[in-house]
Structure formats: C-alpha cells, structure tokens
Protein backbone atom coordinates (compact mmCIF):
# COMPACT_ATOMS: atom_id res chain seq x y z
CA MET A 1 -67.90 24.45 17.43
CA GLU A 2 -69.22 21.32 15.75
CA GLY A 3 -70.23 20.59 12.17
CA THR A 4 -70.30 18.19 9.23
CA VAL A 5 -67.68 18.14 6.45
CA TYR A 6 -69.44 18.97 3.18
CA LYS A 7 -66.42 19.25 0.89
CA SER A 8 -62.81 18.12 0.99
CA THR A 9 -60.16 19.47 -1.36
CA GLY A 10 -57.27 17.74 0.36
CA SER A 11 -56.01 20.76 2.25
CA TRP A 12 -59.23 22.71 2.99
CA TYR A 13 -62.51 21.34 4.31
CA THR A 14 -65.88 23.06 4.06
CA VAL A 15 -67.73 22.46 7.33
CA ARG A 16 -71.44 23.18 7.90
CA THR A 17 -72.69 23.83 11.42
CA GLY A 18 -76.10 22.77 12.71
CA GLU A 19 -77.27 26.36 12.21
CA GLY A 20 -76.39 26.18 8.50
CA ASP A 21 -73.25 28.33 8.55
CA PHE A 22 -70.29 27.25 6.43
CA TYR A 23 -66.63 27.53 7.50
CA GLU A 24 -63.49 26.80 5.49
CA CYS A 25 -61.28 24.75 7.80
CA ARG A 26 -57.81 23.28 7.88
CA ILE A 27 -56.60 20.42 10.05
CA LYS A 28 -54.01 20.44 12.78
CA GLY A 29 -50.80 18.76 11.65
CA LYS A 30 -51.02 16.09 14.34
CA PHE A 31 -53.87 14.33 12.52
CA ARG A 32 -51.42 13.34 9.83
CA LEU A 33 -49.09 11.82 12.43
CA LYS A 34 -51.58 9.70 14.34
CA GLY A 35 -50.84 6.58 12.33
CA ILE A 36 -53.78 7.25 9.99
CA LYS A 37 -52.74 5.31 6.90
CA SER A 38 -55.08 7.34 4.73
CA THR A 39 -54.44 9.93 2.07
CA ASN A 40 -57.29 11.93 3.62
CA PRO A 41 -57.57 11.90 7.42
CA VAL A 42 -60.83 13.90 7.15
CA SER A 43 -63.51 12.93 4.64
CA VAL A 44 -66.88 14.24 3.48
CA GLY A 45 -69.59 13.21 5.94
CA ASP A 46 -67.29 13.36 8.96
CA GLU A 47 -68.62 15.03 12.10
CA VAL A 48 -65.88 17.31 13.42
CA VAL A 49 -65.06 19.76 16.19
CA PHE A 50 -63.34 22.98 15.09
CA GLU A 51 -62.15 26.29 16.43
CA VAL A 52 -62.82 29.53 14.56
CA ASP A 53 -59.58 31.20 13.53
CA GLY A 54 -60.13 34.77 14.72
CA ALA A 55 -56.88 35.99 13.17
CA SER A 56 -58.08 35.39 9.62
CA GLY A 57 -61.02 37.78 9.87
CA ASN A 58 -63.03 35.38 7.68
CA ALA A 59 -65.21 32.33 8.35
CA GLN A 60 -62.21 30.03 8.74
CA GLY A 61 -61.40 27.44 11.34
CA ILE A 62 -59.07 24.69 12.46
CA ILE A 63 -60.41 21.13 12.90
CA THR A 64 -59.31 19.80 16.28
CA GLU A 65 -61.23 16.53 16.51
CA ILE A 66 -62.89 13.95 14.26
CA LYS A 67 -65.81 12.22 15.97
CA ASP A 68 -66.20 8.44 15.73
CA ARG A 69 -67.54 7.34 12.36
CA LYS A 70 -70.69 5.26 12.05
CA ASN A 71 -69.21 3.75 8.88
CA TYR A 72 -67.26 4.71 5.77
CA ILE A 73 -66.48 3.60 2.24
CA ILE A 74 -62.77 2.99 1.75
CA ARG A 75 -60.57 1.77 -1.08
CA LYS A 76 -56.90 1.23 -1.79
CA SER A 77 -55.30 4.51 -2.72
CA VAL A 78 -53.53 5.15 -6.01
CA ASN A 79 -50.94 6.97 -3.91
CA LEU A 80 -48.65 4.09 -2.95
CA SER A 81 -46.96 5.95 -0.09
CA LYS A 82 -50.25 5.83 1.85
CA GLN A 83 -52.48 2.84 2.13
CA THR A 84 -56.07 3.90 1.79
CA HIS A 85 -58.47 6.55 0.63
CA ILE A 86 -61.73 7.13 2.52
CA ILE A 87 -64.31 8.21 -0.05
CA ALA A 88 -67.06 9.27 2.39
CA ALA A 89 -68.19 8.66 5.97
CA ASN A 90 -71.41 8.27 8.00
CA LEU A 91 -73.58 7.00 5.16
CA ASP A 92 -77.10 5.56 5.22
CA GLN A 93 -76.72 3.96 1.78
CA VAL A 94 -74.61 3.93 -1.39
CA PHE A 95 -75.70 3.92 -5.01
CA LEU A 96 -73.32 2.34 -7.52
CA ILE A 97 -74.06 3.60 -11.02
CA VAL A 98 -73.37 0.94 -13.64
CA THR A 99 -73.19 1.26 -17.43
CA LEU A 100 -72.82 -1.69 -19.80
CA ASN A 101 -70.64 0.29 -22.18
CA ASN A 102 -69.71 3.91 -22.72
CA PRO A 103 -67.91 3.34 -20.31
CA PRO A 104 -68.02 -0.38 -19.43
CA THR A 105 -68.52 -1.41 -15.79
CA PHE A 106 -67.31 -4.96 -15.24
CA THR A 107 -68.68 -7.35 -12.64
CA SER A 108 -65.29 -7.54 -10.89
CA PHE A 109 -65.55 -3.82 -10.10
CA ILE A 110 -69.19 -4.11 -8.98
CA ASP A 111 -68.32 -7.03 -6.69
CA ARG A 112 -65.40 -5.22 -5.05
CA PHE A 113 -67.65 -2.25 -4.34
CA LEU A 114 -70.38 -4.48 -2.90
CA VAL A 115 -67.92 -6.40 -0.72
CA THR A 116 -66.67 -3.12 0.75
CA SER A 117 -70.21 -1.88 1.44
CA GLU A 118 -71.06 -5.24 3.08
CA ALA A 119 -67.91 -5.08 5.23
CA TYR A 120 -68.90 -1.66 6.58
CA HIS A 121 -72.63 -2.46 6.87
CA ILE A 122 -73.77 0.10 4.29
CA PRO A 123 -76.79 -0.88 2.16
CA ALA A 124 -75.87 -0.76 -1.54
CA ILE A 125 -78.21 -0.16 -4.48
CA LEU A 126 -77.25 -0.78 -8.12
CA LEU A 127 -78.47 1.74 -10.71
CA PHE A 128 -78.15 0.55 -14.30
CA ASN A 129 -77.95 3.86 -16.16
CA LYS A 130 -78.31 4.86 -19.84
CA ILE A 131 -80.95 2.20 -20.56
CA ASP A 132 -82.33 4.56 -23.23
CA THR A 133 -79.15 3.95 -25.30
CA TYR A 134 -79.06 0.13 -25.38
CA ASN A 135 -80.19 -2.19 -28.16
CA GLU A 136 -82.26 -5.31 -27.47
CA GLU A 137 -79.26 -7.57 -26.91
CA GLU A 138 -77.65 -5.09 -24.51
CA LEU A 139 -80.93 -4.68 -22.60
CA ASP A 140 -81.06 -8.47 -22.19
CA GLU A 141 -77.57 -8.35 -20.71
CA ILE A 142 -78.62 -5.60 -18.28
CA LYS A 143 -81.68 -7.66 -17.27
CA TYR A 144 -79.45 -10.69 -16.71
CA LEU A 145 -77.06 -8.72 -14.48
CA ALA A 146 -79.88 -7.02 -12.56
CA ASN A 147 -81.53 -10.40 -11.96
CA LEU A 148 -78.20 -11.89 -10.82
CA TYR A 149 -77.77 -9.21 -8.14
CA ARG A 150 -81.49 -9.12 -7.19
CA GLU A 151 -81.36 -12.84 -6.40
CA ILE A 152 -78.49 -12.15 -4.00
CA GLY A 153 -80.63 -9.50 -2.31
CA TYR A 154 -79.54 -6.19 -3.83
CA THR A 155 -82.00 -3.55 -5.05
CA CYS A 156 -81.42 -2.96 -8.77
CA ILE A 157 -83.08 -0.20 -10.82
CA GLY A 158 -82.78 0.46 -14.54
CA ILE A 159 -82.64 4.22 -15.07
CA SER A 160 -81.95 6.92 -17.59
CA ALA A 161 -80.60 10.07 -15.97
CA LYS A 162 -80.92 11.75 -19.37
CA THR A 163 -84.61 11.01 -20.01
CA GLY A 164 -85.63 10.85 -16.35
CA LYS A 165 -86.78 7.22 -16.45
CA ASN A 166 -87.13 5.87 -12.88
CA VAL A 167 -85.33 8.88 -11.38
CA ASP A 168 -88.38 9.33 -9.11
CA LYS A 169 -87.77 5.82 -7.70
CA VAL A 170 -84.18 6.76 -6.84
CA LYS A 171 -85.32 10.03 -5.25
CA GLU A 172 -87.89 8.18 -3.13
CA LEU A 173 -85.19 5.90 -1.70
CA MET A 174 -83.09 8.94 -0.74
CA ILE A 175 -85.58 10.93 1.35
CA GLY A 176 -84.36 11.49 4.90
CA LYS A 177 -81.04 9.72 4.25
CA THR A 178 -77.41 10.51 3.45
CA SER A 179 -76.56 8.76 0.19
CA MET A 180 -73.35 8.47 -1.79
CA PHE A 181 -73.24 8.16 -5.59
CA SER A 182 -70.27 6.29 -7.00
CA GLY A 183 -69.06 4.66 -10.22
CA HIS A 184 -66.56 5.09 -13.02
CA SER A 185 -66.08 8.49 -14.66
CA GLY A 186 -68.70 8.97 -17.36
CA VAL A 187 -71.43 6.67 -15.97
CA GLY A 188 -73.67 9.70 -15.37
CA LYS A 189 -73.37 10.49 -11.66
CA SER A 190 -73.56 14.27 -12.08
CA THR A 191 -76.30 13.97 -14.73
CA LEU A 192 -78.34 11.88 -12.28
CA VAL A 193 -77.81 14.36 -9.43
CA ASN A 194 -78.96 17.15 -11.77
CA ALA A 195 -82.04 15.12 -12.73
CA ILE A 196 -82.90 14.70 -9.05
CA GLU A 197 -82.19 18.34 -8.14
CA PRO A 198 -81.86 20.55 -11.27
CA GLN A 199 -80.97 23.65 -9.19
CA LEU A 200 -77.58 22.14 -8.34
CA ASP A 201 -76.52 22.30 -12.00
CA LEU A 202 -73.44 20.10 -11.56
CA LYS A 203 -70.96 20.08 -14.42
CA THR A 204 -71.13 17.15 -16.80
CA LYS A 205 -68.78 16.13 -19.60
CA LYS A 206 -69.01 13.91 -22.64
CA ILE A 207 -67.34 10.52 -22.77
CA SER A 208 -63.84 10.43 -24.22
CA SER A 209 -64.39 8.49 -27.47
CA GLN A 210 -60.72 7.52 -27.62
CA HIS A 211 -60.82 5.33 -24.53
CA MET A 212 -64.58 5.04 -23.93
CA GLN A 213 -64.00 6.39 -20.45
CA GLY A 214 -65.49 9.40 -18.81
CA GLN A 215 -63.53 12.55 -18.23
CA HIS A 216 -63.33 13.56 -14.59
CA THR A 217 -65.79 16.37 -13.87
CA THR A 218 -66.07 15.91 -10.11
CA THR A 219 -62.57 16.31 -8.67
CA PHE A 220 -63.49 16.24 -4.98
CA ALA A 221 -66.24 14.55 -3.02
CA GLU A 222 -68.96 17.01 -2.04
CA MET A 223 -72.21 16.79 -0.08
CA PHE A 224 -75.39 18.62 -1.08
CA ASP A 225 -78.67 19.18 0.77
CA LEU A 226 -81.67 18.45 -1.44
CA GLU A 227 -85.08 20.07 -1.16
CA CYS A 228 -86.71 16.67 -0.66
CA GLY A 229 -84.94 16.29 2.70
CA ALA A 230 -82.08 14.13 1.45
CA LYS A 231 -78.32 14.57 1.54
CA ILE A 232 -76.25 13.39 -1.39
CA ILE A 233 -72.52 12.92 -1.71
CA ASP A 234 -71.22 13.17 -5.27
CA THR A 235 -67.81 11.55 -5.69
CA PRO A 236 -65.05 11.63 -8.31
CA GLY A 237 -65.17 8.82 -10.85
CA ILE A 238 -63.05 5.90 -9.72
CA LYS A 239 -61.16 3.57 -12.04
CA GLY A 240 -60.31 0.79 -9.61
CA PHE A 241 -61.59 -0.37 -6.29
CA GLY A 242 -58.97 -2.21 -4.26
CA ILE A 243 -60.31 -3.85 -1.12
CA VAL A 244 -58.72 -2.91 2.18
CA ASP A 245 -57.95 -4.58 5.53
CA MET A 246 -59.72 -7.87 4.88
CA GLU A 247 -58.44 -11.25 6.00
CA LYS A 248 -58.76 -14.07 3.46
CA GLU A 249 -61.06 -15.94 5.84
CA GLU A 250 -63.60 -13.10 5.99
CA ILE A 251 -63.90 -12.10 2.30
CA GLY A 252 -66.41 -14.87 1.58
CA ASP A 253 -68.64 -13.61 4.41
CA TYR A 254 -69.19 -10.39 2.41
CA PHE A 255 -70.68 -12.37 -0.48
CA PRO A 256 -74.20 -12.88 0.98
CA GLU A 257 -74.92 -15.94 -1.19
CA PHE A 258 -71.66 -17.59 -0.01
CA PHE A 259 -72.33 -16.68 3.62
CA LYS A 260 -75.73 -18.42 3.48
CA LEU A 261 -74.05 -21.65 2.39
CA LYS A 262 -71.09 -21.45 4.76
CA GLY A 263 -72.73 -23.59 7.46
CA GLU A 264 -73.11 -26.45 4.97
CA CYS A 265 -69.37 -26.63 4.22
CA LYS A 266 -67.49 -29.51 5.88
CA PHE A 267 -64.94 -27.11 7.40
CA ASN A 268 -66.06 -23.99 9.25
CA ASN A 269 -62.98 -22.13 7.97
CA CYS A 270 -63.59 -23.24 4.37
CA LEU A 271 -62.15 -20.82 1.78
CA HIS A 272 -64.33 -22.36 -0.97
CA MET A 273 -61.26 -23.20 -3.04
CA ASP A 274 -59.80 -26.72 -2.85
CA GLU A 275 -61.46 -27.99 0.31
CA PRO A 276 -63.60 -31.16 0.10
CA HIS A 277 -67.38 -31.01 0.58
CA CYS A 278 -67.62 -27.26 -0.03
CA ALA A 279 -71.24 -26.07 -0.34
CA VAL A 280 -70.25 -23.00 -2.37
CA LYS A 281 -68.34 -25.06 -4.97
CA LYS A 282 -71.28 -27.47 -5.15
CA ALA A 283 -73.71 -24.57 -5.70
CA LEU A 284 -71.36 -23.22 -8.37
CA GLU A 285 -71.38 -26.53 -10.24
CA ASN A 286 -75.20 -26.54 -10.07
CA ASN A 287 -75.33 -22.96 -11.41
CA GLU A 288 -76.89 -21.77 -8.14
CA VAL A 289 -74.03 -19.31 -7.66
CA ALA A 290 -72.90 -17.00 -10.48
CA TRP A 291 -69.54 -17.78 -12.07
CA SER A 292 -68.75 -14.07 -12.34
CA ARG A 293 -69.20 -13.68 -8.57
CA TYR A 294 -66.99 -16.67 -7.82
CA LYS A 295 -64.26 -15.38 -10.16
CA SER A 296 -64.39 -11.99 -8.42
CA TYR A 297 -64.03 -13.79 -5.09
CA VAL A 298 -60.99 -15.78 -6.29
CA GLN A 299 -59.38 -12.56 -7.57
CA MET A 300 -59.85 -10.89 -4.18
CA LEU A 301 -58.58 -13.95 -2.35
CA SER A 302 -55.43 -14.10 -4.47
CA GLY A 303 -54.87 -10.35 -4.09
CA GLU A 304 -55.13 -9.56 -7.79
CA GLN A 305 -55.78 -5.88 -7.20
CA GLU A 306 -54.86 -4.76 -10.69
CA ASN A 307 -57.54 -6.74 -12.50
CA TYR A 308 -60.72 -4.90 -11.62
CA ARG A 309 -60.93 -3.45 -15.14
CA MET A 310 -60.83 -6.89 -16.73
CA ASP A 311 -63.99 -8.32 -18.22
CA ILE A 312 -64.51 -11.61 -16.42
CA TYR A 313 -68.24 -11.62 -17.10
CA GLY A 314 -69.27 -14.53 -19.28
CA GLU A 315 -66.03 -16.51 -18.92
CA LYS A 316 -66.11 -20.03 -17.54
C-alpha cells in the first residue's frame, strides 16, 4: 500500500492512503542503517510504501520504502550523535512566522531559514505576526524589516493571528498547496492555524515571561487537510537553525541579492570577503545590500552555528 506521512512521533508514523484511511506504521530497522545521518529517517510529507501488519488486528503497518523526495527542509540536529533533522518533506512553500519581541526573532535566524529554503528550491514567505501588539516605533522596525526582505524578492505580510488581520491573505496563498509553518516557540503558529481553520482547535500556550520564549505546544510535526483544499504542516518551535551540507563557495548563491551581483565580481569563485573588486562588498558600502544580511552570511561562512539567537540587527 502507498500513502503520505501525516504525523511522526519518532517511533510511530501516521500514514494516510489515497482513499483517506489512516494507518499507524513503524519502520523496518534497516532504514536506520542505510547511512541516513538523520535523527528521523521518515518525516511528515514523505510518500511511503507500507505493508499492513495482519498480526496486530488493528490498522497498523510497516513502512518498507520511502519514495524520492521532491524537496525537504532540514536543519542541524540538537542530537549531536546524528547530523541532521528533516523537519518536513515534499513542500510547495514554507511560511516563517516572525515576531519582533515576545519572543524575539533575529535576522540571523530568518536568514538561515531562507538560505535553507533557497538551497532546496522551496518558496518562502515571511509572516510578521502580532502586529496588533506593537507600538509605533516597533511597527516602524517591522516595516523596515519587511521592506528589506521584499526588496530581495520575498513575500512579506504583516498579520495578527489573534485579531485575524490579513489571515485571509495567508489562506489565499495556501489553496491547493502543501505549506509548512515554522518559527520559534511562541510566535503564534498554532494560533494562526486555528485562525485559518478553527475546527482544528490546536493547543496554544502563553509566552513564558521569565525568558520571553514560547513554551512548546507542538511536540511533533503534523499535517492537516483544510476545507479550503490546502494541506498544512504545523511544526514544533525551533530555537536554532543550523545550516547543513553547504560548501562555503555555494552559501552566497542562496542570498538572491548576492547571486545577482556575483557576475560582476573580479573572481568567479569570490567569497565576498577579502577579495579585490568584489561587487557584493561594493554594494554593501553603498548601502545597496543590508548589513544584517551580510553579517548573517559571514556567520554562516565561518561556521558560527551557535550564534543564531544573537541580535546582529542594527550593528555595523
């Protein structure tokens, strides 16, 4: 039988067949031995082949094959014994939910997420949530950030999952597609999903005032079918986003504004660091490239994986 993985708990996978039947499945041990350097060999969104386990007497099965993925979103795992964690597979687009504070989302985190989506050819959309809670100065900062990313070519929408502002615009972009929602814990992913499809009634939790970070309410990635003809993958809040399997020479290609200038650099393998006649450095000096983006790039190039919670926005 064939189906799509709708939920992964690490040891059990909920698989939906084309007919709409759900089966709880396990994986054959050999998947873990195939040199897959991932904490989760099967992820939500995967198309799989499985056999029904007749001995169990229930709707249970064993996954025997994972079909080739169209794409996936991957990050460095917090589990150091393995290398990576695949968040979701076979996506049409990803939404990164950003909050200025409560909790803060820094540009270094946004840029790592966008670089990963560029590397795997997944369109990314930035949703600036909780705009109903910001004062005038904070709204100006949101407008500045949204304009920065719009100029690069990303769709940016200011929303309030709580009041419903611009939720219809988000819903419109999702029709007929499989979308993933991501962001730090507490940015309002589950609240937004509930605003789009109230019947789902996903659990939400208040922000921890002690650390200004969200408390984890979604513990496993899960896919839902919406009445509007969309599929949505809700993911656990992520603290850091370490980039995976990228050569130093290719990182700059995943910054669209750097890639556009690459042909004007003196050297075709220019790393935009200390090389002479670098078009990216020239654009940076002329304020045609954002300093925050360049600093994110330098961090990734130097392998500073632990700094994606640092606030580099605004520094020169």
